[in-house]
């Protein structure tokens, strides 16, 4: 068989049947049968003829709308068949129609020309590189909605490449941020020619431009991709870089498990390694590592692997060091993995060009943004019953429910602990929230009949200071008026049934 050659056929079988037709000026057709004989059996089912499988104009419009909405082809065809029981179209008919729609949308432009017009006119932040022949080698882009979210939540980002997203087989760097609700959002994307340091440096420098002059994130989390790690150090030298603990455990599993014959021995080693990673301080880590070296001194391969591969980066994943940094609970890249999985659902296939992939990504971002915006509005007017305590009076409807839940756990610890918990500052350092141990517990214990202040909470968790009622994330005049009226209303009704007095989103408001 010929590799890649398309098998073709013809419906021309020299049938003698002949009919002539002509449309007259008055609109009536004049028809003459020249030969009514056939050289084949007559067909009772006309679905074999492509002309009988065509879509109507209305169905073409429906296909356009459903394609833009990201509905898979098989579901589009099923929907059309349910609406029209006599539809003869097959999957190939739909694919041909989609290809025609796609070509018409180009308006005579090449896909690359159309792509740059789309992102240029759509308010995207973007940059690109091409080789000497003019071929696109790098493409960075950030949707306006992603820019608004990134500017609002600019503290922690997770970075990872995903694959099989485009017909050019270029890796796609996905940068993911974290919201007040502990959910993820797509910050920006970059198609890269290779996964080398210079490629990552270019992408991160472009990312840094829309973070601003002093826009260094607090923390960036990635896996052990040395080129990316070096690029992060070059572009964001003041940013703390952490390594994904889950990826480390996965790599240790693949490299070390085969060195143990018994499952019990492997389980014991894994438990020892996990204890090492979770060492609360440097002294405990040093002791744990010495014990591991003694216990597994005969496992030379494992000790060399751990020494050479992971110990040089211990400050990036061992708790003794990572608890010093405010990462808001993000020390694995599972968010990025989840974001990749969601993106693949929108992409459906891995053979789209840049413009098609960009369109599907935009759909994912727009749906994600709407979810975040709706949740932000919802949490400003809803209070969970368990948070109806004096301690939270100044926080509810001003701090996310996720953050309140974390504080509530600390509150229960502080008020019900049978023994005093010594605070190492880990919870406050990493989460930006008050903890239950001494000496920090006074913030909760002493105030259990008083209130916590908004100043006790890191801005990452604030919802009163955010609004995405227009594209740049700022309040429009109508949104300001509504928030001001809500604040005034809350202050006038009884405090045990109201949302607390807090920060007005409008600094020029005379009412508040």
Protein backbone atom coordinates (compact mmCIF):
# COMPACT_ATOMS: atom_id res chain seq x y z
CA UNK A 1 0.00 0.00 0.00
CA UNK A 2 1.20 3.53 -0.80
CA UNK A 3 1.98 5.44 2.35
CA UNK A 4 -0.20 8.52 2.80
CA UNK A 5 -1.91 8.27 -0.60
CA UNK A 6 -5.62 9.00 -0.55
CA UNK A 7 -7.89 6.31 -2.00
CA UNK A 8 -10.21 7.96 -4.53
CA UNK A 9 -13.32 6.84 -6.41
CA UNK A 10 -15.85 8.17 -8.91
CA UNK A 11 -19.61 8.08 -9.31
CA UNK A 12 -19.24 8.44 -13.11
CA UNK A 13 -20.21 5.01 -14.54
CA UNK A 14 -21.28 6.11 -18.05
CA UNK A 15 -24.97 5.86 -17.26
CA UNK A 16 -26.91 6.83 -20.44
CA UNK A 17 -29.68 8.59 -18.52
CA UNK A 18 -29.93 12.21 -19.69
CA UNK A 19 -32.22 15.07 -18.79
CA UNK A 20 -32.05 18.66 -19.95
CA UNK A 21 -33.44 21.61 -18.05
CA UNK A 22 -33.66 25.34 -18.56
CA UNK A 23 -35.13 28.04 -16.37
CA UNK A 24 -37.37 30.45 -18.29
CA UNK A 25 -37.64 34.19 -17.71
CA UNK A 26 -40.92 33.71 -15.84
CA UNK A 27 -39.15 31.37 -13.37
CA UNK A 28 -40.68 28.14 -14.65
CA UNK A 29 -38.36 25.29 -15.58
CA UNK A 30 -38.54 23.71 -19.03
CA UNK A 31 -37.47 20.04 -18.87
CA UNK A 32 -36.79 17.52 -21.66
CA UNK A 33 -36.02 13.82 -21.02
CA UNK A 34 -33.39 12.81 -23.58
CA UNK A 35 -32.77 9.25 -22.37
CA UNK A 36 -34.59 7.50 -19.56
CA UNK A 37 -32.58 4.26 -19.51
CA UNK A 38 -29.98 3.35 -16.83
CA UNK A 39 -27.08 0.90 -16.66
CA UNK A 40 -27.47 0.24 -12.91
CA UNK A 41 -30.10 -0.82 -10.41
CA UNK A 42 -32.37 2.02 -9.24
CA UNK A 43 -31.81 3.23 -5.66
CA UNK A 44 -34.62 3.60 -3.16
CA UNK A 45 -32.28 5.28 -0.65
CA UNK A 46 -30.70 8.52 -1.86
CA UNK A 47 -28.29 8.92 1.09
CA UNK A 48 -25.47 7.56 -1.08
CA UNK A 49 -25.51 10.77 -3.10
CA UNK A 50 -23.55 13.65 -1.47
CA UNK A 51 -26.05 16.17 -2.83
CA UNK A 52 -28.72 14.59 -0.64
CA UNK A 53 -26.58 14.80 2.47
CA UNK A 54 -26.14 18.57 2.47
CA UNK A 55 -27.09 20.81 5.38
CA UNK A 56 -29.63 23.61 5.09
CA UNK A 57 -28.60 27.24 5.69
CA UNK A 58 -30.21 27.11 9.13
CA UNK A 59 -28.28 23.95 10.00
CA UNK A 60 -25.02 25.54 8.84
CA UNK A 61 -25.67 28.43 11.25
CA UNK A 62 -26.33 25.96 14.05
CA UNK A 63 -23.06 24.19 13.24
CA UNK A 64 -21.22 27.53 13.45
CA UNK A 65 -22.74 28.33 16.85
CA UNK A 66 -22.12 24.88 18.31
CA UNK A 67 -18.54 24.81 16.97
CA UNK A 68 -17.79 28.18 18.60
CA UNK A 69 -19.26 26.79 21.84
CA UNK A 70 -16.75 23.92 21.70
CA UNK A 71 -19.30 21.14 21.21
CA UNK A 72 -17.67 17.98 19.77
CA UNK A 73 -18.62 17.01 16.17
CA UNK A 74 -20.45 13.81 17.16
CA UNK A 75 -22.67 15.76 19.54
CA UNK A 76 -23.33 18.42 16.89
CA UNK A 77 -24.43 15.74 14.43
CA UNK A 78 -26.62 14.05 17.05
CA UNK A 79 -28.29 17.38 17.89
CA UNK A 80 -29.00 18.09 14.21
CA UNK A 81 -30.41 14.60 13.66
CA UNK A 82 -32.73 15.01 16.63
CA UNK A 83 -34.01 18.28 15.16
CA UNK A 84 -34.40 16.85 11.65
CA UNK A 85 -35.40 13.19 11.45
CA UNK A 86 -34.88 13.20 7.66
CA UNK A 87 -31.30 14.44 7.81
CA UNK A 88 -29.05 12.22 5.68
CA UNK A 89 -25.75 13.83 6.70
CA UNK A 90 -22.90 11.66 7.99
CA UNK A 91 -19.75 12.52 9.97
CA UNK A 92 -17.78 13.31 6.80
CA UNK A 93 -20.52 15.78 5.75
CA UNK A 94 -20.10 17.59 9.07
CA UNK A 95 -16.29 17.66 8.86
CA UNK A 96 -16.49 19.09 5.34
CA UNK A 97 -18.98 21.74 6.51
CA UNK A 98 -16.73 22.69 9.45
CA UNK A 99 -13.72 22.95 7.12
CA UNK A 100 -15.69 25.23 4.78
CA UNK A 101 -16.80 27.42 7.71
CA UNK A 102 -13.20 27.63 8.91
CA UNK A 103 -11.91 28.63 5.47
CA UNK A 104 -14.64 31.25 5.07
CA UNK A 105 -13.72 32.77 8.45
CA UNK A 106 -10.19 33.41 7.17
CA UNK A 107 -11.57 35.95 4.65
CA UNK A 108 -8.72 35.24 2.27
CA UNK A 109 -6.05 35.51 4.97
CA UNK A 110 -3.58 32.83 5.99
CA UNK A 111 -4.26 31.23 9.38
CA UNK A 112 -1.26 33.08 10.88
CA UNK A 113 -2.45 36.43 9.50
CA UNK A 114 -5.91 35.80 10.89
CA UNK A 115 -4.43 34.76 14.25
CA UNK A 116 -2.47 37.98 14.70
CA UNK A 117 -5.41 40.13 13.62
CA UNK A 118 -7.60 38.31 16.16
CA UNK A 119 -5.26 38.75 19.12
CA UNK A 120 -4.25 42.27 18.06
CA UNK A 121 -7.85 43.49 17.86
CA UNK A 122 -8.95 41.43 20.88
CA UNK A 123 -6.83 43.28 23.44
CA UNK A 124 -4.46 40.37 24.06
CA UNK A 125 -0.96 40.79 25.43
CA UNK A 126 1.23 38.87 23.02
CA UNK A 127 4.69 38.47 21.55
CA UNK A 128 6.28 36.15 19.02
CA UNK A 129 9.53 35.10 17.38
CA UNK A 130 10.23 33.71 13.93
CA UNK A 131 13.23 32.23 12.18
CA UNK A 132 15.12 33.60 9.16
CA UNK A 133 12.60 32.00 6.82
CA UNK A 134 9.72 33.80 8.53
CA UNK A 135 8.33 30.67 10.19
CA UNK A 136 6.79 31.22 13.62
CA UNK A 137 8.94 29.62 16.33
CA UNK A 138 7.53 31.12 19.54
CA UNK A 139 4.14 32.58 20.44
CA UNK A 140 3.15 34.06 23.81
CA UNK A 141 -0.38 35.30 24.49
CA UNK A 142 -2.53 36.31 27.45
CA UNK A 143 -6.30 36.83 27.17
CA UNK A 144 -7.57 40.20 28.54
CA UNK A 145 -9.60 38.31 31.17
CA UNK A 146 -6.50 36.37 32.20
CA UNK A 147 -4.57 39.62 32.47
CA UNK A 148 -7.24 40.99 34.84
CA UNK A 149 -7.04 37.87 37.03
CA UNK A 150 -3.24 37.83 36.94
CA UNK A 151 -3.02 41.47 38.03
CA UNK A 152 -5.43 40.75 40.88
CA UNK A 153 -3.84 37.46 42.00
CA UNK A 154 -0.14 38.04 41.33
CA UNK A 155 1.38 36.16 44.26
CA UNK A 156 1.70 32.47 43.33
CA UNK A 157 2.00 30.79 39.92
CA UNK A 158 2.51 27.23 38.76
CA UNK A 159 4.35 26.50 35.51
CA UNK A 160 4.40 23.36 33.42
CA UNK A 161 4.48 22.34 29.76
CA UNK A 162 1.77 20.26 28.13
CA UNK A 163 1.97 18.39 24.85
CA UNK A 164 -0.17 17.12 21.96
CA UNK A 165 -2.09 20.39 21.67
CA UNK A 166 -1.29 21.45 18.08
CA UNK A 167 -0.41 20.06 14.67
CA UNK A 168 3.12 21.48 14.87
CA UNK A 169 3.91 19.35 17.95
CA UNK A 170 5.24 22.40 19.80
CA UNK A 171 5.24 22.24 23.63
CA UNK A 172 2.77 24.63 25.26
CA UNK A 173 3.91 26.36 28.45
CA UNK A 174 0.88 26.85 30.69
CA UNK A 175 1.17 29.36 33.55
CA UNK A 176 -1.56 28.93 36.16
CA UNK A 177 -2.55 31.28 38.99
CA UNK A 178 -4.50 30.83 42.24
CA UNK A 179 -7.65 32.74 43.30
CA UNK A 180 -9.01 33.76 46.71
CA UNK A 181 -11.19 30.63 46.65
CA UNK A 182 -8.16 28.33 46.24
CA UNK A 183 -9.20 27.61 42.65
CA UNK A 184 -7.03 27.92 39.53
CA UNK A 185 -7.07 30.21 36.53
CA UNK A 186 -5.15 30.33 33.25
CA UNK A 187 -2.73 33.24 33.36
CA UNK A 188 -0.99 32.94 29.99
CA UNK A 189 0.33 30.50 27.40
CA UNK A 190 3.46 30.20 25.28
CA UNK A 191 4.13 27.91 22.32
CA UNK A 192 7.86 27.13 22.38
CA UNK A 193 10.18 25.80 19.72
CA UNK A 194 12.15 23.79 22.26
CA UNK A 195 12.25 23.31 26.02
CA UNK A 196 15.62 24.94 26.50
CA UNK A 197 16.66 27.72 28.86
CA UNK A 198 16.62 30.46 26.23
CA UNK A 199 13.06 29.49 25.20
CA UNK A 200 11.85 29.66 28.78
CA UNK A 201 13.69 32.92 29.44
CA UNK A 202 11.94 34.53 26.47
CA UNK A 203 8.50 33.32 27.68
CA UNK A 204 9.07 34.38 31.32
CA UNK A 205 10.41 37.79 30.33
CA UNK A 206 7.24 38.38 28.31
CA UNK A 207 5.18 37.17 31.28
CA UNK A 208 7.10 39.55 33.55
CA UNK A 209 6.32 42.54 31.33
CA UNK A 210 2.61 42.50 32.12
CA UNK A 211 3.28 41.89 35.82
CA UNK A 212 4.89 45.35 35.93
CA UNK A 213 8.31 46.75 36.80
CA UNK A 214 8.30 45.27 40.32
CA UNK A 215 6.13 42.34 39.34
CA UNK A 216 7.99 39.48 40.96
CA UNK A 217 5.60 36.75 42.22
CA UNK A 218 6.08 35.59 45.78
CA UNK A 219 6.35 31.94 44.72
CA UNK A 220 6.61 29.92 41.50
CA UNK A 221 6.07 26.15 41.62
CA UNK A 222 7.33 23.79 38.89
CA UNK A 223 8.71 20.29 38.47
CA UNK A 224 12.42 19.54 38.14
CA UNK A 225 12.82 20.89 34.60
CA UNK A 226 16.38 22.25 34.82
CA UNK A 227 16.01 24.62 31.85
CA UNK A 228 12.85 26.12 33.36
CA UNK A 229 14.45 26.29 36.81
CA UNK A 230 17.41 28.23 35.42
CA UNK A 231 15.11 30.57 33.50
CA UNK A 232 13.09 31.32 36.65
CA UNK A 233 16.30 32.23 38.48
CA UNK A 234 17.36 34.51 35.60
CA UNK A 235 14.03 36.34 35.12
CA UNK A 236 12.65 36.30 38.69
CA UNK A 237 15.71 36.27 41.00
CA UNK A 238 13.69 37.62 43.96
CA UNK A 239 10.95 35.02 43.61
CA UNK A 240 10.98 31.86 45.73
CA UNK A 241 11.01 28.80 43.49
CA UNK A 242 9.55 25.55 44.86
CA UNK A 243 9.62 22.06 43.35
CA UNK A 244 6.51 19.90 43.13
CA UNK A 245 6.60 17.31 45.92
CA UNK A 246 4.25 15.01 44.01
CA UNK A 247 6.56 14.86 40.99
CA UNK A 248 9.51 14.16 43.27
CA UNK A 249 7.71 11.23 44.90
CA UNK A 250 6.72 9.97 41.45
CA UNK A 251 10.34 10.08 40.27
CA UNK A 252 11.62 8.42 43.43
CA UNK A 253 9.05 5.67 42.90
CA UNK A 254 10.14 5.01 39.30
CA UNK A 255 13.87 5.02 40.15
CA UNK A 256 13.98 3.31 43.53
CA UNK A 257 11.14 0.80 43.86
CA UNK A 258 12.91 -1.78 41.68
CA UNK A 259 15.78 -1.82 44.21
CA UNK A 260 13.54 -3.51 46.81
CA UNK A 261 12.43 -7.12 46.56
CA UNK A 262 9.86 -7.03 49.34
CA UNK A 263 6.87 -4.68 49.46
CA UNK A 264 7.33 -4.16 53.19
CA UNK A 265 10.90 -2.95 52.64
CA UNK A 266 9.75 -0.51 49.96
CA UNK A 267 6.93 0.80 52.17
CA UNK A 268 9.41 1.35 55.00
CA UNK A 269 11.80 3.24 52.71
CA UNK A 270 8.98 5.39 51.32
CA UNK A 271 7.83 6.21 54.84
CA UNK A 272 11.39 7.21 55.78
CA UNK A 273 11.73 9.40 52.68
CA UNK A 274 8.37 11.07 53.34
CA UNK A 275 9.39 11.78 56.93
CA UNK A 276 12.60 13.34 55.59
CA UNK A 277 10.66 15.64 53.23
CA UNK A 278 8.31 16.71 56.02
CA UNK A 279 11.09 17.58 58.46
CA UNK A 280 9.81 20.65 60.37
CA UNK A 281 13.27 22.20 60.79
CA UNK A 282 16.79 21.89 59.41
CA UNK A 283 18.13 20.04 62.44
CA UNK A 284 15.44 17.36 62.11
CA UNK A 285 16.22 17.07 58.40
CA UNK A 286 19.96 16.58 59.02
CA UNK A 287 19.24 13.87 61.59
CA UNK A 288 16.70 12.14 59.32
CA UNK A 289 19.12 12.12 56.39
CA UNK A 290 21.93 10.60 58.48
CA UNK A 291 19.56 7.87 59.69
CA UNK A 292 18.48 7.16 56.11
CA UNK A 293 22.14 6.89 55.03
CA UNK A 294 22.84 4.41 57.83
CA UNK A 295 19.66 2.39 57.32
CA UNK A 296 20.14 2.02 53.56
CA UNK A 297 23.95 2.07 53.32
CA UNK A 298 23.86 -1.05 51.14
CA UNK A 299 21.51 0.63 48.64
CA UNK A 300 24.30 2.58 46.95
CA UNK A 301 22.28 3.33 43.82
CA UNK A 302 19.42 4.87 45.83
CA UNK A 303 21.68 6.99 48.03
CA UNK A 304 23.61 8.31 45.02
CA UNK A 305 20.36 9.05 43.21
CA UNK A 306 18.93 11.00 46.15
CA UNK A 307 22.23 12.79 46.80
CA UNK A 308 22.83 13.86 43.21
CA UNK A 309 19.28 14.45 41.97
CA UNK A 310 17.31 15.84 44.90
CA UNK A 311 19.46 16.95 47.82
CA UNK A 312 21.02 19.86 45.89
CA UNK A 313 17.50 21.31 45.70
CA UNK A 314 16.33 20.43 49.22
CA UNK A 315 15.51 24.08 49.98
CA UNK A 316 12.89 23.94 47.22
CA UNK A 317 10.81 21.04 48.54
CA UNK A 318 11.71 20.02 52.10
CA UNK A 319 9.22 21.48 54.59
CA UNK A 320 12.01 22.79 56.85
CA UNK A 321 12.66 25.43 54.18
CA UNK A 322 9.37 25.73 52.27
CA UNK A 323 7.40 26.64 55.42
CA UNK A 324 9.29 29.94 55.47
CA UNK A 325 7.55 31.15 52.34
CA UNK A 326 4.01 32.31 51.65
CA UNK A 327 2.83 29.81 49.03
CA UNK A 328 -0.80 29.63 50.24
CA UNK A 329 -0.67 25.84 50.40
CA UNK A 330 0.72 25.37 46.89
CA UNK A 331 3.71 23.04 46.91
CA UNK A 332 2.63 20.66 44.15
CA UNK A 333 1.80 21.31 40.48
CA UNK A 334 -1.42 19.29 40.55
CA UNK A 335 -3.24 22.54 39.69
CA UNK A 336 -1.27 22.76 36.47
CA UNK A 337 -1.95 19.09 35.71
CA UNK A 338 -5.65 19.69 36.28
CA UNK A 339 -5.52 22.78 34.06
CA UNK A 340 -3.88 20.70 31.31
CA UNK A 341 -6.61 18.07 31.57
CA UNK A 342 -9.35 20.69 31.35
CA UNK A 343 -7.64 22.31 28.37
CA UNK A 344 -7.46 18.99 26.51
CA UNK A 345 -11.23 18.61 26.91
CA UNK A 346 -11.73 21.92 25.13
CA UNK A 347 -9.13 21.17 22.44
CA UNK A 348 -10.63 17.71 21.72
CA UNK A 349 -7.95 16.98 19.10
CA UNK A 350 -4.22 17.64 18.78
CA UNK A 351 -4.13 18.62 15.09
CA UNK A 352 -5.42 22.19 15.23
CA UNK A 353 -3.40 25.15 13.98
CA UNK A 354 -2.45 28.03 16.27
CA UNK A 355 -5.64 29.96 15.53
CA UNK A 356 -7.88 26.99 16.28
CA UNK A 357 -6.01 26.19 19.50
CA UNK A 358 -6.15 29.84 20.56
CA UNK A 359 -9.91 29.88 19.98
CA UNK A 360 -10.47 26.79 22.15
CA UNK A 361 -8.20 28.21 24.87
CA UNK A 362 -10.19 31.45 24.84
CA UNK A 363 -13.39 29.49 25.33
CA UNK A 364 -11.89 27.74 28.38
CA UNK A 365 -10.68 31.08 29.81
CA UNK A 366 -14.02 32.84 29.29
CA UNK A 367 -15.97 30.04 30.99
CA UNK A 368 -13.44 29.93 33.83
CA UNK A 369 -13.59 33.71 34.29
CA UNK A 370 -17.39 33.64 34.51
CA UNK A 371 -17.20 30.99 37.24
CA UNK A 372 -14.71 33.09 39.24
CA UNK A 373 -16.72 36.27 38.78
CA UNK A 374 -19.97 34.59 39.84
CA UNK A 375 -18.34 33.03 42.90
CA UNK A 376 -16.83 36.36 43.90
CA UNK A 377 -20.25 38.02 43.76
CA UNK A 378 -21.91 35.10 45.56
CA UNK A 379 -19.47 35.05 48.49
CA UNK A 380 -19.97 38.78 49.03
CA UNK A 381 -23.61 38.18 49.94
CA UNK A 382 -23.60 34.68 51.49
CA UNK A 383 -22.47 33.68 54.98
CA UNK A 384 -22.16 30.10 56.22
CA UNK A 385 -23.89 29.57 59.56
CA UNK A 386 -20.78 28.26 61.32
CA UNK A 387 -19.07 31.59 60.68
CA UNK A 388 -21.76 33.51 62.64
CA UNK A 389 -19.42 34.07 65.59
CA UNK A 390 -18.05 37.35 66.95
CA UNK A 391 -14.51 36.40 65.98
CA UNK A 392 -15.43 36.57 62.27
CA UNK A 393 -17.62 39.67 62.42
CA UNK A 394 -15.16 41.81 60.47
CA UNK A 395 -14.24 39.04 58.03
CA UNK A 396 -17.39 37.47 56.58
CA UNK A 397 -18.26 38.73 53.07
CA UNK A 398 -14.81 40.36 52.98
CA UNK A 399 -12.66 37.21 53.05
CA UNK A 400 -13.20 34.10 50.93
CA UNK A 401 -15.08 31.14 52.42
CA UNK A 402 -12.02 28.94 51.84
CA UNK A 403 -9.87 31.25 53.99
CA UNK A 404 -12.58 31.47 56.65
CA UNK A 405 -12.68 27.67 56.72
CA UNK A 406 -8.93 27.50 57.31
CA UNK A 407 -9.17 30.09 60.11
CA UNK A 408 -12.13 28.21 61.61
CA UNK A 409 -9.99 25.06 61.89
CA UNK A 410 -7.42 27.11 63.81
CA UNK A 411 -10.20 28.57 65.97
CA UNK A 412 -11.39 25.07 66.89
CA UNK A 413 -7.80 24.10 67.71
CA UNK A 414 -7.30 27.16 69.89
CA UNK A 415 -10.55 26.78 71.82
CA UNK A 416 -10.71 23.00 72.25
CA UNK A 417 -7.09 21.85 72.49
CA UNK A 418 -6.42 19.98 75.71
CA UNK A 419 -2.77 21.03 75.61
CA UNK A 420 -1.05 24.16 74.40
CA UNK A 421 0.24 23.89 70.84
CA UNK A 422 3.59 25.58 70.24
CA UNK A 423 3.51 27.67 67.10
CA UNK A 424 6.46 27.47 64.74
CA UNK A 425 4.85 30.10 62.54
CA UNK A 426 4.46 27.62 59.68
CA UNK A 427 0.75 28.12 59.12
CA UNK A 428 0.90 31.91 59.23
CA UNK A 429 4.07 32.00 57.12
CA UNK A 430 2.67 29.83 54.35
CA UNK A 431 -1.01 30.78 54.39
CA UNK A 432 -1.09 34.45 55.43
CA UNK A 433 -3.70 33.62 58.11
CA UNK A 434 -3.63 33.60 61.96
CA UNK A 435 -2.84 30.23 63.55
CA UNK A 436 -3.76 28.47 66.80
CA UNK A 437 -0.39 27.78 68.40
CA UNK A 438 1.47 29.92 70.94
CA UNK A 439 2.53 32.70 70.70
CA UNK A 440 0.21 33.26 67.71
CA UNK A 441 -2.80 31.71 69.44
CA UNK A 442 -3.47 34.97 71.31
CA UNK A 443 -4.84 36.33 68.04
CA UNK A 444 -7.56 33.70 68.26
CA UNK A 445 -7.75 32.78 71.97
CA UNK A 446 -7.68 36.29 73.36
CA UNK A 447 -10.06 37.44 70.67
CA UNK A 448 -12.52 34.56 70.88
CA UNK A 449 -15.00 37.00 72.40
CA UNK A 450 -13.73 39.82 70.21
CA UNK A 451 -12.98 39.99 66.52
CA UNK A 452 -10.19 39.37 64.07
CA UNK A 453 -9.25 42.32 61.90
CA UNK A 454 -8.95 42.39 58.12
CA UNK A 455 -5.31 43.36 58.61
CA UNK A 456 -4.73 39.88 60.07
CA UNK A 457 -5.54 38.37 56.65
CA UNK A 458 -3.31 38.46 53.57
CA UNK A 459 -4.84 40.27 50.58
CA UNK A 460 -4.71 37.04 48.55
CA UNK A 461 -7.83 35.94 50.45
CA UNK A 462 -9.74 39.22 50.20
CA UNK A 463 -12.93 39.42 48.15
CA UNK A 464 -14.10 42.90 49.17
CA UNK A 465 -11.12 44.49 47.38
CA UNK A 466 -11.87 42.73 44.09
CA UNK A 467 -14.44 43.07 41.37
CA UNK A 468 -14.37 41.97 37.76
CA UNK A 469 -17.38 43.87 36.47
CA UNK A 470 -15.39 45.16 33.51
CA UNK A 471 -12.47 43.85 31.54
CA UNK A 472 -9.61 45.37 33.53
CA UNK A 473 -10.87 44.07 36.84
CA UNK A 474 -11.82 47.50 38.18
CA UNK A 475 -15.25 48.48 39.45
CA UNK A 476 -17.43 50.37 37.05
CA UNK A 477 -19.60 53.18 38.38
CA UNK A 478 -22.68 50.97 38.67
CA UNK A 479 -20.72 48.28 40.54
CA UNK A 480 -19.34 50.91 42.95
CA UNK A 481 -22.81 52.23 43.71
CA UNK A 482 -24.18 48.75 44.40
CA UNK A 483 -21.26 47.83 46.70
CA UNK A 484 -21.56 51.12 48.59
CA UNK A 485 -25.31 50.63 49.09
CA UNK A 486 -24.75 47.06 50.30
CA UNK A 487 -22.15 48.27 52.80
CA UNK A 488 -24.47 50.98 54.08
CA UNK A 489 -27.28 48.42 54.40
CA UNK A 490 -25.10 45.98 56.36
CA UNK A 491 -24.07 48.68 58.81
CA UNK A 492 -27.68 49.67 59.56
CA UNK A 493 -29.08 46.21 60.31
CA UNK A 494 -28.25 44.27 63.54
CA UNK A 495 -24.67 43.04 63.68
CA UNK A 496 -25.62 39.45 64.56
CA UNK A 497 -27.52 39.14 61.27
CA UNK A 498 -25.45 41.27 59.02
CA UNK A 499 -22.29 41.25 57.09
CA UNK A 500 -19.51 43.16 58.90
CA UNK A 501 -18.30 46.63 58.40
CA UNK A 502 -15.28 46.55 56.12
CA UNK A 503 -13.31 48.22 53.38
CA UNK A 504 -15.31 50.20 50.91
CA UNK A 505 -14.27 49.42 47.33
CA UNK A 506 -14.66 53.05 46.29
CA UNK A 507 -12.03 55.35 47.86
CA UNK A 508 -13.93 58.45 46.70
CA UNK A 509 -17.29 57.35 48.12
CA UNK A 510 -18.93 60.04 50.25
CA UNK A 511 -21.63 57.66 51.54
CA UNK A 512 -19.24 55.22 53.22
